[in-house]
PDB file of N, CA and C in Angstrom:
ATOM      1  N   MET A   1      21.209   9.981  26.481  1.00  0.00           N
ATOM      2  CA  MET A   1      21.881  11.477  26.827  1.00  0.00           C
ATOM      3  C   MET A   1      20.047  11.962  26.469  1.00  0.00           C
ATOM      4  N   ILE A   2      19.143  12.923  27.072  1.00  0.00           N
ATOM      5  CA  ILE A   2      18.281  13.083  26.189  1.00  0.00           C
ATOM      6  C   ILE A   2      18.646  14.870  26.449  1.00  0.00           C
ATOM      7  N   ILE A   3      18.090  15.476  25.337  1.00  0.00           N
ATOM      8  CA  ILE A   3      18.542  16.164  24.634  1.00  0.00           C
ATOM      9  C   ILE A   3      17.196  16.968  24.721  1.00  0.00           C
ATOM     10  N   ILE A   4      16.109  17.204  24.892  1.00  0.00           N
ATOM     11  CA  ILE A   4      15.097  17.697  24.976  1.00  0.00           C
ATOM     12  C   ILE A   4      14.425  17.488  25.692  1.00  0.00           C
ATOM     13  N   SER A   5      13.852  18.704  26.542  1.00  0.00           N
ATOM     14  CA  SER A   5      12.262  17.797  27.731  1.00  0.00           C
ATOM     15  C   SER A   5      11.798  17.065  26.565  1.00  0.00           C
ATOM     16  N   ASN A   6      11.088  15.978  27.801  1.00  0.00           N
ATOM     17  CA  ASN A   6      10.130  15.478  27.940  1.00  0.00           C
ATOM     18  C   ASN A   6       8.772  15.558  26.895  1.00  0.00           C
ATOM     19  N   ASN A   7       8.398  16.292  27.324  1.00  0.00           N
ATOM     20  CA  ASN A   7       7.505  17.456  26.837  1.00  0.00           C
ATOM     21  C   ASN A   7       7.478  18.366  25.113  1.00  0.00           C
ATOM     22  N   ASP A   8       8.999  18.755  25.261  1.00  0.00           N
ATOM     23  CA  ASP A   8       9.352  18.692  24.342  1.00  0.00           C
ATOM     24  C   ASP A   8       9.557  17.624  23.126  1.00  0.00           C
ATOM     25  N   PHE A   9       9.900  16.830  23.427  1.00  0.00           N
ATOM     26  CA  PHE A   9      10.328  15.137  22.959  1.00  0.00           C
ATOM     27  C   PHE A   9       8.617  14.856  22.183  1.00  0.00           C
ATOM     28  N   LEU A  10       7.763  15.076  23.458  1.00  0.00           N
ATOM     29  CA  LEU A  10       6.038  14.703  22.790  1.00  0.00           C
ATOM     30  C   LEU A  10       5.203  15.617  21.994  1.00  0.00           C
ATOM     31  N   LYS A  11       6.650  16.635  21.668  1.00  0.00           N
ATOM     32  CA  LYS A  11       5.606  16.964  20.956  1.00  0.00           C
ATOM     33  C   LYS A  11       6.375  17.077  19.690  1.00  0.00           C
ATOM     34  N   GLU A  12       7.228  16.466  19.792  1.00  0.00           N
ATOM     35  CA  GLU A  12       7.806  16.178  18.350  1.00  0.00           C
ATOM     36  C   GLU A  12       6.984  14.929  17.584  1.00  0.00           C
ATOM     37  N   LEU A  13       7.257  13.714  18.427  1.00  0.00           N
ATOM     38  CA  LEU A  13       6.109  12.620  18.128  1.00  0.00           C
ATOM     39  C   LEU A  13       4.911  13.678  17.571  1.00  0.00           C
ATOM     40  N   ASN A  14       3.827  14.065  18.459  1.00  0.00           N
ATOM     41  CA  ASN A  14       2.902  14.541  18.135  1.00  0.00           C
ATOM     42  C   ASN A  14       3.390  14.708  16.873  1.00  0.00           C
ATOM     43  N   ASP A  15       3.383  15.494  16.053  1.00  0.00           N
ATOM     44  CA  ASP A  15       4.480  16.226  14.694  1.00  0.00           C
ATOM     45  C   ASP A  15       4.100  15.127  14.071  1.00  0.00           C
ATOM     46  N   LEU A  16       4.916  13.671  14.689  1.00  0.00           N
ATOM     47  CA  LEU A  16       4.896  12.929  13.633  1.00  0.00           C
ATOM     48  C   LEU A  16       3.745  12.554  13.530  1.00  0.00           C
ATOM     49  N   GLY A  17       2.915  12.583  14.135  1.00  0.00           N
ATOM     50  CA  GLY A  17       1.074  11.675  13.826  1.00  0.00           C
ATOM     51  C   GLY A  17       1.251  11.543  14.870  1.00  0.00           C
ATOM     52  N   TYR A  18       2.090  10.573  16.022  1.00  0.00           N
ATOM     53  CA  TYR A  18       1.345  10.083  17.770  1.00  0.00           C
ATOM     54  C   TYR A  18       0.366  10.900  17.641  1.00  0.00           C
ATOM     55  N   VAL A  19      -0.548  10.093  18.603  1.00  0.00           N
ATOM     56  CA  VAL A  19      -1.489  10.210  19.330  1.00  0.00           C
ATOM     57  C   VAL A  19      -0.650  10.139  20.952  1.00  0.00           C
ATOM     58  N   ILE A  20      -0.833  11.049  21.702  1.00  0.00           N
ATOM     59  CA  ILE A  20       0.069  11.448  22.922  1.00  0.00           C
ATOM     60  C   ILE A  20      -0.575  11.275  23.647  1.00  0.00           C
ATOM     61  N   SER A  21      -0.843   9.690  24.276  1.00  0.00           N
ATOM     62  CA  SER A  21      -1.659   9.073  24.983  1.00  0.00           C
ATOM     63  C   SER A  21      -0.398   8.697  26.970  1.00  0.00           C
ATOM     64  N   GLU A  22      -0.713   7.652  27.035  1.00  0.00           N
ATOM     65  CA  GLU A  22      -0.570   7.042  28.828  1.00  0.00           C
ATOM     66  C   GLU A  22       0.446   6.305  27.736  1.00  0.00           C
ATOM     67  N   SER A  23       0.234   5.139  26.725  1.00  0.00           N
ATOM     68  CA  SER A  23       0.737   4.533  26.009  1.00  0.00           C
ATOM     69  C   SER A  23       2.410   4.300  25.764  1.00  0.00           C
ATOM     70  N   VAL A  24       1.655   6.097  24.652  1.00  0.00           N
ATOM     71  CA  VAL A  24       3.396   6.617  24.260  1.00  0.00           C
ATOM     72  C   VAL A  24       4.035   7.152  25.356  1.00  0.00           C
ATOM     73  N   THR A  25       3.592   7.726  26.048  1.00  0.00           N
ATOM     74  CA  THR A  25       4.229   8.591  27.467  1.00  0.00           C
ATOM     75  C   THR A  25       4.671   7.322  28.379  1.00  0.00           C
ATOM     76  N   ASN A  26       4.382   5.832  28.574  1.00  0.00           N
ATOM     77  CA  ASN A  26       5.517   5.022  29.157  1.00  0.00           C
ATOM     78  C   ASN A  26       6.649   4.788  27.712  1.00  0.00           C
ATOM     79  N   SER A  27       6.339   4.712  27.030  1.00  0.00           N
ATOM     80  CA  SER A  27       7.227   4.393  26.306  1.00  0.00           C
ATOM     81  C   SER A  27       8.602   4.958  25.462  1.00  0.00           C
ATOM     82  N   VAL A  28       8.037   6.710  25.993  1.00  0.00           N
ATOM     83  CA  VAL A  28       9.141   7.067  25.554  1.00  0.00           C
ATOM     84  C   VAL A  28       9.905   7.328  27.289  1.00  0.00           C
ATOM     85  N   ALA A  29       9.078   6.827  27.981  1.00  0.00           N
ATOM     86  CA  ALA A  29      10.008   6.820  29.628  1.00  0.00           C
ATOM     87  C   ALA A  29      10.571   5.729  29.608  1.00  0.00           C
ATOM     88  N   PHE A  30      10.588   4.280  29.452  1.00  0.00           N
ATOM     89  CA  PHE A  30      11.326   3.236  29.125  1.00  0.00           C
ATOM     90  C   PHE A  30      12.562   3.871  27.962  1.00  0.00           C
ATOM     91  N   LEU A  31      12.631   4.105  26.826  1.00  0.00           N
ATOM     92  CA  LEU A  31      12.927   5.118  26.153  1.00  0.00           C
ATOM     93  C   LEU A  31      14.122   5.758  26.877  1.00  0.00           C
ATOM     94  N   ASN A  32      13.796   6.401  27.696  1.00  0.00           N
ATOM     95  CA  ASN A  32      14.781   7.471  28.542  1.00  0.00           C
ATOM     96  C   ASN A  32      15.719   6.637  29.632  1.00  0.00           C
ATOM     97  N   SER A  33      14.899   5.517  30.206  1.00  0.00           N
ATOM     98  CA  SER A  33      15.311   4.611  30.507  1.00  0.00           C
ATOM     99  C   SER A  33      17.254   4.193  30.997  1.00  0.00           C
ATOM    100  N   LEU A  34      17.100   4.271  29.021  1.00  0.00           N
ATOM    101  CA  LEU A  34      17.696   3.634  28.256  1.00  0.00           C
ATOM    102  C   LEU A  34      18.626   4.909  27.762  1.00  0.00           C
ATOM    103  N   ASN A  35      19.385   6.001  27.792  1.00  0.00           N
ATOM    104  CA  ASN A  35      20.104   6.771  28.197  1.00  0.00           C
ATOM    105  C   ASN A  35      19.788   6.872  25.677  1.00  0.00           C
ATOM    106  N   LEU A  36      18.865   6.416  25.756  1.00  0.00           N
ATOM    107  CA  LEU A  36      19.214   6.430  23.783  1.00  0.00           C
ATOM    108  C   LEU A  36      18.613   8.300  23.913  1.00  0.00           C
ATOM    109  N   PRO A  37      20.035   9.382  22.505  1.00  0.00           N
ATOM    110  CA  PRO A  37      19.801  10.106  22.043  1.00  0.00           C
ATOM    111  C   PRO A  37      18.626  10.257  21.284  1.00  0.00           C
ATOM    112  N   ASP A  38      18.005  11.933  21.336  1.00  0.00           N
ATOM    113  CA  ASP A  38      16.332  12.049  20.885  1.00  0.00           C
ATOM    114  C   ASP A  38      16.211  11.243  19.895  1.00  0.00           C
ATOM    115  N   ALA A  39      16.995  11.881  18.718  1.00  0.00           N
ATOM    116  CA  ALA A  39      17.993  11.514  17.245  1.00  0.00           C
ATOM    117  C   ALA A  39      17.118  10.127  17.227  1.00  0.00           C
ATOM    118  N   ASP A  40      17.871   9.406  18.175  1.00  0.00           N
ATOM    119  CA  ASP A  40      17.317   7.683  18.310  1.00  0.00           C
ATOM    120  C   ASP A  40      16.347   7.665  17.823  1.00  0.00           C
ATOM    121  N   LYS A  41      16.127   7.629  19.883  1.00  0.00           N
ATOM    122  CA  LYS A  41      14.056   7.596  19.637  1.00  0.00           C
ATOM    123  C   LYS A  41      13.892   8.718  18.488  1.00  0.00           C
ATOM    124  N   LEU A  42      13.705   9.196  17.988  1.00  0.00           N
ATOM    125  CA  LEU A  42      12.435  10.088  17.038  1.00  0.00           C
ATOM    126  C   LEU A  42      12.804   9.260  16.012  1.00  0.00           C
ATOM    127  N   PHE A  43      14.449   8.485  15.648  1.00  0.00           N
ATOM    128  CA  PHE A  43      14.319   7.397  14.344  1.00  0.00           C
ATOM    129  C   PHE A  43      12.992   5.813  14.226  1.00  0.00           C
ATOM    130  N   LEU A  44      13.684   5.834  15.804  1.00  0.00           N
ATOM    131  CA  LEU A  44      12.642   4.404  15.669  1.00  0.00           C
ATOM    132  C   LEU A  44      10.911   4.654  15.500  1.00  0.00           C
ATOM    133  N   TYR A  45      10.434   6.329  16.167  1.00  0.00           N
ATOM    134  CA  TYR A  45       8.985   5.839  16.311  1.00  0.00           C
ATOM    135  C   TYR A  45       8.781   6.218  14.403  1.00  0.00           C
ATOM    136  N   GLN A  46       9.551   7.085  13.860  1.00  0.00           N
ATOM    137  CA  GLN A  46       9.312   7.095  12.142  1.00  0.00           C
ATOM    138  C   GLN A  46       9.459   5.711  12.021  1.00  0.00           C
ATOM    139  N   GLU A  47      10.377   5.430  12.378  1.00  0.00           N
ATOM    140  CA  GLU A  47      10.491   3.738  11.433  1.00  0.00           C
ATOM    141  C   GLU A  47       9.058   3.141  11.234  1.00  0.00           C
ATOM    142  N   PHE A  48       9.173   2.630  13.244  1.00  0.00           N
ATOM    143  CA  PHE A  48       7.626   2.083  13.466  1.00  0.00           C
ATOM    144  C   PHE A  48       6.573   2.575  12.732  1.00  0.00           C
ATOM    145  N   ARG A  49       6.127   4.283  13.066  1.00  0.00           N
ATOM    146  CA  ARG A  49       4.796   4.146  12.190  1.00  0.00           C
ATOM    147  C   ARG A  49       4.575   4.036  10.876  1.00  0.00           C
ATOM    148  N   SER A  50       5.921   4.875  10.290  1.00  0.00           N
ATOM    149  CA  SER A  50       6.510   4.020   8.307  1.00  0.00           C
ATOM    150  C   SER A  50       5.628   2.201   8.473  1.00  0.00           C
ATOM    151  N   GLU A  51       6.641   1.562   8.607  1.00  0.00           N
ATOM    152  CA  GLU A  51       6.220  -0.315   9.060  1.00  0.00           C
ATOM    153  C   GLU A  51       4.649  -0.183   9.731  1.00  0.00           C
ATOM    154  N   ILE A  52       4.379   0.377   9.840  1.00  0.00           N
ATOM    155  CA  ILE A  52       3.095   0.065  10.578  1.00  0.00           C
ATOM    156  C   ILE A  52       2.131   0.236  10.041  1.00  0.00           C
ATOM    157  N   GLU A  53       1.791   1.492   9.102  1.00  0.00           N
ATOM    158  CA  GLU A  53       1.395   1.884   7.437  1.00  0.00           C
ATOM    159  C   GLU A  53       1.359   1.036   6.762  1.00  0.00           C
ATOM    160  N   VAL A  54       3.131   0.865   5.719  1.00  0.00           N
ATOM    161  CA  VAL A  54       2.993  -0.266   4.811  1.00  0.00           C
ATOM    162  C   VAL A  54       2.224  -1.767   5.600  1.00  0.00           C
ATOM    163  N   PHE A  55       2.291  -1.615   6.031  1.00  0.00           N
ATOM    164  CA  PHE A  55       1.375  -3.328   6.829  1.00  0.00           C
ATOM    165  C   PHE A  55       0.364  -3.230   6.160  1.00  0.00           C
ATOM    166  N   LYS A  56      -0.282  -1.905   7.097  1.00  0.00           N
ATOM    167  CA  LYS A  56      -2.068  -1.330   6.963  1.00  0.00           C
ATOM    168  C   LYS A  56      -2.136  -1.339   5.720  1.00  0.00           C
ATOM    169  N   GLY A  57      -1.217  -1.165   4.779  1.00  0.00           N
ATOM    170  CA  GLY A  57      -1.942  -0.441   3.752  1.00  0.00           C
ATOM    171  C   GLY A  57      -1.621  -1.515   2.665  1.00  0.00           C
ATOM    172  N   ILE A  58      -1.241  -2.684   3.004  1.00  0.00           N
ATOM    173  CA  ILE A  58      -1.206  -4.182   2.221  1.00  0.00           C
ATOM    174  C   ILE A  58      -1.666  -5.753   2.714  1.00  0.00           C
ATOM    175  N   LEU A  59      -2.058  -5.406   3.752  1.00  0.00           N
ATOM    176  CA  LEU A  59      -3.083  -6.247   4.904  1.00  0.00           C
ATOM    177  C   LEU A  59      -4.112  -7.054   3.876  1.00  0.00           C
ATOM    178  N   GLN A  60      -4.781  -6.172   3.277  1.00  0.00           N
ATOM    179  CA  GLN A  60      -6.171  -6.891   2.263  1.00  0.00           C
ATOM    180  C   GLN A  60      -5.978  -7.543   1.163  1.00  0.00           C
ATOM    181  N   GLU A  61      -4.332  -7.114   1.066  1.00  0.00           N
ATOM    182  CA  GLU A  61      -4.464  -7.250  -0.414  1.00  0.00           C
ATOM    183  C   GLU A  61      -3.374  -8.609   0.088  1.00  0.00           C
ATOM    184  N   LYS A  62      -2.795  -8.997   0.264  1.00  0.00           N
ATOM    185  CA  LYS A  62      -2.052  -9.957   0.906  1.00  0.00           C
ATOM    186  C   LYS A  62      -2.616 -11.215   1.740  1.00  0.00           C
ATOM    187  N   LEU A  63      -4.314 -10.832   2.369  1.00  0.00           N
ATOM    188  CA  LEU A  63      -4.702 -11.747   3.071  1.00  0.00           C
ATOM    189  C   LEU A  63      -5.297 -12.162   1.617  1.00  0.00           C
ATOM    190  N   LYS A  64      -6.210 -11.483   0.322  1.00  0.00           N
ATOM    191  CA  LYS A  64      -7.365 -11.794  -0.750  1.00  0.00           C
ATOM    192  C   LYS A  64      -5.500 -12.561  -1.074  1.00  0.00           C
ATOM    193  N   ALA A  65      -4.959 -12.678  -1.242  1.00  0.00           N
ATOM    194  CA  ALA A  65      -4.168 -13.108  -2.062  1.00  0.00           C
ATOM    195  C   ALA A  65      -3.737 -14.724  -1.810  1.00  0.00           C
ATOM    196  N   ARG A  66      -3.818 -14.747   0.096  1.00  0.00           N
ATOM    197  CA  ARG A  66      -3.552 -16.202   0.984  1.00  0.00           C
ATOM    198  C   ARG A  66      -2.099 -15.872   1.474  1.00  0.00           C
ATOM    199  N   ASP A  67      -1.639 -15.037   1.417  1.00  0.00           N
ATOM    200  CA  ASP A  67       0.053 -15.245   1.136  1.00  0.00           C
ATOM    201  C   ASP A  67       0.010 -14.817   2.964  1.00  0.00           C
ATOM    202  N   PHE A  68      -0.171 -16.146   3.484  1.00  0.00           N
ATOM    203  CA  PHE A  68       0.012 -16.299   4.762  1.00  0.00           C
ATOM    204  C   PHE A  68       0.816 -16.708   5.454  1.00  0.00           C
ATOM    205  N   ALA A  69       2.405 -17.196   4.676  1.00  0.00           N
ATOM    206  CA  ALA A  69       3.934 -16.761   5.349  1.00  0.00           C
ATOM    207  C   ALA A  69       4.371 -15.232   5.732  1.00  0.00           C
ATOM    208  N   PHE A  70       3.727 -13.795   4.241  1.00  0.00           N
ATOM    209  CA  PHE A  70       4.202 -12.925   4.630  1.00  0.00           C
ATOM    210  C   PHE A  70       3.624 -12.788   5.951  1.00  0.00           C
ATOM    211  N   LEU A  71       2.127 -12.852   5.766  1.00  0.00           N
ATOM    212  CA  LEU A  71       1.160 -11.486   7.549  1.00  0.00           C
ATOM    213  C   LEU A  71       2.088 -11.879   8.039  1.00  0.00           C
ATOM    214  N   GLU A  72       2.487 -14.046   8.492  1.00  0.00           N
ATOM    215  CA  GLU A  72       2.906 -14.008   9.627  1.00  0.00           C
ATOM    216  C   GLU A  72       4.227 -13.904   9.958  1.00  0.00           C
ATOM    217  N   ASP A  73       5.049 -13.590   9.280  1.00  0.00           N
ATOM    218  CA  ASP A  73       6.672 -13.295   8.903  1.00  0.00           C
ATOM    219  C   ASP A  73       5.956 -10.843   9.617  1.00  0.00           C
ATOM    220  N   LYS A  74       5.308 -10.675   8.968  1.00  0.00           N
ATOM    221  CA  LYS A  74       5.305  -9.053   8.972  1.00  0.00           C
ATOM    222  C   LYS A  74       5.016  -9.079  10.929  1.00  0.00           C
ATOM    223  N   ALA A  75       3.804  -9.204  10.926  1.00  0.00           N
ATOM    224  CA  ALA A  75       3.362  -9.494  12.477  1.00  0.00           C
ATOM    225  C   ALA A  75       3.886  -9.830  13.032  1.00  0.00           C
ATOM    226  N   HIS A  76       4.513 -10.929  13.255  1.00  0.00           N
ATOM    227  CA  HIS A  76       6.428 -11.273  14.017  1.00  0.00           C
ATOM    228  C   HIS A  76       7.201  -9.799  14.036  1.00  0.00           C
ATOM    229  N   GLU A  77       7.218  -9.582  12.938  1.00  0.00           N
ATOM    230  CA  GLU A  77       8.406  -8.160  13.094  1.00  0.00           C
ATOM    231  C   GLU A  77       7.692  -7.189  14.434  1.00  0.00           C
ATOM    232  N   LEU A  78       6.521  -7.284  13.348  1.00  0.00           N
ATOM    233  CA  LEU A  78       5.823  -5.661  14.358  1.00  0.00           C
ATOM    234  C   LEU A  78       5.624  -5.903  16.033  1.00  0.00           C
ATOM    235  N   LYS A  79       5.101  -7.113  15.730  1.00  0.00           N
ATOM    236  CA  LYS A  79       4.829  -7.605  17.651  1.00  0.00           C
ATOM    237  C   LYS A  79       6.049  -7.379  18.508  1.00  0.00           C
ATOM    238  N   GLY A  80       7.698  -7.764  17.859  1.00  0.00           N
ATOM    239  CA  GLY A  80       8.201  -7.832  18.665  1.00  0.00           C
ATOM    240  C   GLY A  80       8.880  -6.267  18.877  1.00  0.00           C
ATOM    241  N   VAL A  81       8.465  -5.538  17.543  1.00  0.00           N
ATOM    242  CA  VAL A  81       9.127  -4.345  17.904  1.00  0.00           C
ATOM    243  C   VAL A  81       7.820  -3.086  18.851  1.00  0.00           C
ATOM    244  N   SER A  82       6.760  -3.968  18.308  1.00  0.00           N
ATOM    245  CA  SER A  82       5.487  -2.726  19.175  1.00  0.00           C
ATOM    246  C   SER A  82       5.598  -3.177  21.079  1.00  0.00           C
ATOM    247  N   LYS A  83       6.486  -4.560  21.119  1.00  0.00           N
ATOM    248  CA  LYS A  83       6.635  -5.030  21.929  1.00  0.00           C
ATOM    249  C   LYS A  83       7.968  -3.802  22.766  1.00  0.00           C
ATOM    250  N   ASN A  84       9.273  -3.705  21.973  1.00  0.00           N
ATOM    251  CA  ASN A  84      10.002  -3.274  23.067  1.00  0.00           C
ATOM    252  C   ASN A  84       9.789  -2.355  23.324  1.00  0.00           C
ATOM    253  N   LEU A  85       8.637  -1.278  22.388  1.00  0.00           N
ATOM    254  CA  LEU A  85       8.549   0.592  22.293  1.00  0.00           C
ATOM    255  C   LEU A  85       7.477   0.189  23.744  1.00  0.00           C
ATOM    256  N   LYS A  86       7.012  -0.764  24.152  1.00  0.00           N
ATOM    257  CA  LYS A  86       5.880  -0.834  24.865  1.00  0.00           C
ATOM    258  C   LYS A  86       4.736  -0.636  24.554  1.00  0.00           C
ATOM    259  N   PHE A  87       4.464  -1.297  23.568  1.00  0.00           N
ATOM    260  CA  PHE A  87       2.648  -0.587  23.262  1.00  0.00           C
ATOM    261  C   PHE A  87       2.017  -1.864  23.610  1.00  0.00           C
ATOM    262  N   ASP A  88       2.294  -2.311  24.024  1.00  0.00           N
ATOM    263  CA  ASP A  88       1.990  -4.080  24.550  1.00  0.00           C
ATOM    264  C   ASP A  88       0.772  -4.309  23.968  1.00  0.00           C
ATOM    265  N   ASP A  89      -0.297  -3.563  23.771  1.00  0.00           N
ATOM    266  CA  ASP A  89      -1.733  -3.320  23.374  1.00  0.00           C
ATOM    267  C   ASP A  89      -1.362  -3.558  21.559  1.00  0.00           C
ATOM    268  N   LEU A  90      -0.791  -3.420  21.760  1.00  0.00           N
ATOM    269  CA  LEU A  90      -0.756  -3.022  19.478  1.00  0.00           C
ATOM    270  C   LEU A  90      -0.227  -4.622  19.693  1.00  0.00           C
ATOM    271  N   SER A  91       0.822  -5.727  19.849  1.00  0.00           N
ATOM    272  CA  SER A  91       1.535  -5.852  20.799  1.00  0.00           C
ATOM    273  C   SER A  91       1.076  -7.233  20.620  1.00  0.00           C
ATOM    274  N   ASP A  92      -0.008  -7.489  21.453  1.00  0.00           N
ATOM    275  CA  ASP A  92      -0.516  -8.624  21.537  1.00  0.00           C
ATOM    276  C   ASP A  92      -1.809  -8.739  20.527  1.00  0.00           C
ATOM    277  N   VAL A  93      -2.366  -7.917  19.886  1.00  0.00           N
ATOM    278  CA  VAL A  93      -3.041  -7.854  18.317  1.00  0.00           C
ATOM    279  C   VAL A  93      -2.523  -8.467  17.751  1.00  0.00           C
ATOM    280  N   LEU A  94      -1.168  -8.904  17.275  1.00  0.00           N
ATOM    281  CA  LEU A  94       0.438  -9.157  15.947  1.00  0.00           C
ATOM    282  C   LEU A  94       0.289 -10.154  16.630  1.00  0.00           C
ATOM    283  N   TYR A  95       0.321 -10.388  17.356  1.00  0.00           N
ATOM    284  CA  TYR A  95       0.581 -11.708  18.364  1.00  0.00           C
ATOM    285  C   TYR A  95      -0.552 -12.481  17.599  1.00  0.00           C
ATOM    286  N   LYS A  96      -1.740 -12.191  17.810  1.00  0.00           N
ATOM    287  CA  LYS A  96      -3.145 -12.500  17.416  1.00  0.00           C
ATOM    288  C   LYS A  96      -3.310 -12.665  15.772  1.00  0.00           C
ATOM    289  N   MET A  97      -2.512 -12.328  15.259  1.00  0.00           N
ATOM    290  CA  MET A  97      -2.130 -12.311  13.451  1.00  0.00           C
ATOM    291  C   MET A  97      -1.783 -13.072  13.431  1.00  0.00           C
ATOM    292  N   GLN A  98      -0.121 -12.870  14.050  1.00  0.00           N
ATOM    293  CA  GLN A  98       0.551 -14.067  13.904  1.00  0.00           C
ATOM    294  C   GLN A  98       0.093 -15.528  13.998  1.00  0.00           C
ATOM    295  N   LEU A  99      -0.634 -15.586  15.325  1.00  0.00           N
ATOM    296  CA  LEU A  99      -1.552 -17.026  15.055  1.00  0.00           C
ATOM    297  C   LEU A  99      -2.121 -17.575  14.034  1.00  0.00           C
ATOM    298  N   SER A 100      -3.418 -16.779  13.884  1.00  0.00           N
ATOM    299  CA  SER A 100      -4.149 -16.804  12.925  1.00  0.00           C
ATOM    300  C   SER A 100      -3.338 -17.077  11.324  1.00  0.00           C
ATOM    301  N   SER A 101      -2.264 -16.022  11.188  1.00  0.00           N
ATOM    302  CA  SER A 101      -2.009 -16.550   9.692  1.00  0.00           C
ATOM    303  C   SER A 101      -1.014 -17.679   9.427  1.00  0.00           C
ATOM    304  N   GLU A 102      -0.283 -17.662  10.931  1.00  0.00           N
ATOM    305  CA  GLU A 102      -0.060 -19.624  11.084  1.00  0.00           C
ATOM    306  C   GLU A 102      -0.618 -20.697  10.529  1.00  0.00           C
ATOM    307  N   GLU A 103      -2.233 -20.355  11.310  1.00  0.00           N
ATOM    308  CA  GLU A 103      -2.723 -21.006  11.712  1.00  0.00           C
ATOM    309  C   GLU A 103      -3.641 -21.098  10.097  1.00  0.00           C
ATOM    310  N   LYS A 104      -2.960 -19.992   9.437  1.00  0.00           N
ATOM    311  CA  LYS A 104      -3.783 -19.934   7.519  1.00  0.00           C
ATOM    312  C   LYS A 104      -5.633 -19.666   8.221  1.00  0.00           C
ATOM    313  N   ASP A 105      -5.954 -18.923   9.191  1.00  0.00           N
ATOM    314  CA  ASP A 105      -7.544 -19.140   9.371  1.00  0.00           C
ATOM    315  C   ASP A 105      -8.000 -17.581   8.790  1.00  0.00           C
ATOM    316  N   SER A 106      -8.363 -17.039   7.474  1.00  0.00           N
ATOM    317  CA  SER A 106      -8.735 -15.830   7.543  1.00  0.00           C
ATOM    318  C   SER A 106      -9.699 -15.228   8.242  1.00  0.00           C
ATOM    319  N   GLU A 107     -10.681 -16.112   8.780  1.00  0.00           N
ATOM    320  CA  GLU A 107     -11.675 -15.591   9.800  1.00  0.00           C
ATOM    321  C   GLU A 107     -10.983 -14.890  11.120  1.00  0.00           C
ATOM    322  N   ALA A 108      -9.970 -15.264  11.489  1.00  0.00           N
ATOM    323  CA  ALA A 108      -9.227 -15.449  12.410  1.00  0.00           C
ATOM    324  C   ALA A 108      -8.195 -14.047  12.735  1.00  0.00           C
ATOM    325  N   PHE A 109      -7.844 -14.241  11.613  1.00  0.00           N
ATOM    326  CA  PHE A 109      -6.726 -13.376  10.568  1.00  0.00           C
ATOM    327  C   PHE A 109      -7.848 -11.463  10.725  1.00  0.00           C
ATOM    328  N   LYS A 110      -8.879 -11.640   9.778  1.00  0.00           N
ATOM    329  CA  LYS A 110      -9.715 -10.257   9.260  1.00  0.00           C
ATOM    330  C   LYS A 110     -10.261  -9.716  11.634  1.00  0.00           C
ATOM    331  N   LEU A 111     -10.787 -10.725  11.978  1.00  0.00           N
ATOM    332  CA  LEU A 111     -11.668 -10.545  12.951  1.00  0.00           C
ATOM    333  C   LEU A 111      -9.935  -9.473  13.746  1.00  0.00           C
ATOM    334  N   SER A 112      -8.613 -10.196  13.689  1.00  0.00           N
ATOM    335  CA  SER A 112      -7.622  -9.316  14.487  1.00  0.00           C
ATOM    336  C   SER A 112      -6.825  -8.213  13.126  1.00  0.00           C
ATOM    337  N   ALA A 113      -7.721  -8.753  11.999  1.00  0.00           N
ATOM    338  CA  ALA A 113      -6.697  -6.670  11.728  1.00  0.00           C
ATOM    339  C   ALA A 113      -7.914  -5.749  12.107  1.00  0.00           C
ATOM    340  N   SER A 114      -9.175  -6.007  12.209  1.00  0.00           N
ATOM    341  CA  SER A 114     -10.285  -5.388  12.486  1.00  0.00           C
ATOM    342  C   SER A 114      -9.598  -4.751  13.566  1.00  0.00           C
ATOM    343  N   GLU A 115      -8.981  -6.042  15.059  1.00  0.00           N
ATOM    344  CA  GLU A 115      -8.482  -5.100  16.018  1.00  0.00           C
ATOM    345  C   GLU A 115      -6.344  -4.130  15.374  1.00  0.00           C
ATOM    346  N   PHE A 116      -6.265  -4.716  14.934  1.00  0.00           N
ATOM    347  CA  PHE A 116      -5.123  -3.266  14.580  1.00  0.00           C
ATOM    348  C   PHE A 116      -5.565  -3.102  15.054  1.00  0.00           C
ATOM    349  N   GLU A 117      -6.517  -2.198  13.546  1.00  0.00           N
ATOM    350  CA  GLU A 117      -7.029  -1.247  12.879  1.00  0.00           C
ATOM    351  C   GLU A 117      -7.337  -0.721  14.231  1.00  0.00           C
ATOM    352  N   GLY A 118      -7.592  -0.454  15.207  1.00  0.00           N
ATOM    353  CA  GLY A 118      -8.594   0.212  16.143  1.00  0.00           C
ATOM    354  C   GLY A 118      -6.984   0.301  17.761  1.00  0.00           C
ATOM    355  N   SER A 119      -6.032  -0.908  17.300  1.00  0.00           N
ATOM    356  CA  SER A 119      -4.696  -0.560  18.246  1.00  0.00           C
ATOM    357  C   SER A 119      -4.614   0.985  17.483  1.00  0.00           C
ATOM    358  N   ILE A 120      -4.015   1.045  16.171  1.00  0.00           N
ATOM    359  CA  ILE A 120      -3.668   1.787  15.427  1.00  0.00           C
ATOM    360  C   ILE A 120      -3.712   3.215  15.438  1.00  0.00           C
ATOM    361  N   ASP A 121      -5.624   3.216  15.600  1.00  0.00           N
ATOM    362  CA  ASP A 121      -6.464   4.580  15.559  1.00  0.00           C
ATOM    363  C   ASP A 121      -5.708   5.048  17.291  1.00  0.00           C
ATOM    364  N   LYS A 122      -5.464   4.442  17.991  1.00  0.00           N
ATOM    365  CA  LYS A 122      -5.153   4.770  18.833  1.00  0.00           C
ATOM    366  C   LYS A 122      -3.739   5.103  19.286  1.00  0.00           C
ATOM    367  N   LEU A 123      -2.910   4.923  18.498  1.00  0.00           N
ATOM    368  CA  LEU A 123      -1.361   5.598  18.604  1.00  0.00           C
ATOM    369  C   LEU A 123      -1.443   6.570  17.918  1.00  0.00           C
ATOM    370  N   PHE A 124      -1.273   7.008  16.228  1.00  0.00           N
ATOM    371  CA  PHE A 124      -1.904   7.532  15.402  1.00  0.00           C
ATOM    372  C   PHE A 124      -2.653   8.317  14.886  1.00  0.00           C
ATOM    373  N   LEU A 125      -1.929   9.665  14.608  1.00  0.00           N
ATOM    374  CA  LEU A 125      -3.268  10.475  14.354  1.00  0.00           C
ATOM    375  C   LEU A 125      -3.712  10.150  12.692  1.00  0.00           C
TER     376      LEU A 125
END
């Protein structure tokens, strides 16, 4: 059930720090098609942003420690959530991070991490 208008919901997302882009608009349209209540949608977006920020904050520390198991698991988890939210570009980057972690390839991971930063800069203010 949609409680507020699409424009009002997008404003709520903008207040949460999302850049209102085609990607975000498409994501909201997809969740609307599932008839999720606004409170549930907002919760999903809040949690997603929080998890992305935590991951971003510990990337370098985990890479330096060569904790590839953690990096692979977290990239895999966030890839799935990104895909479910229809953030396909971010999902593709997280897939690269997952693969480079699985292969324990620090250089490939660093390149993917740079792409990750660019992808999230397009989503979040």
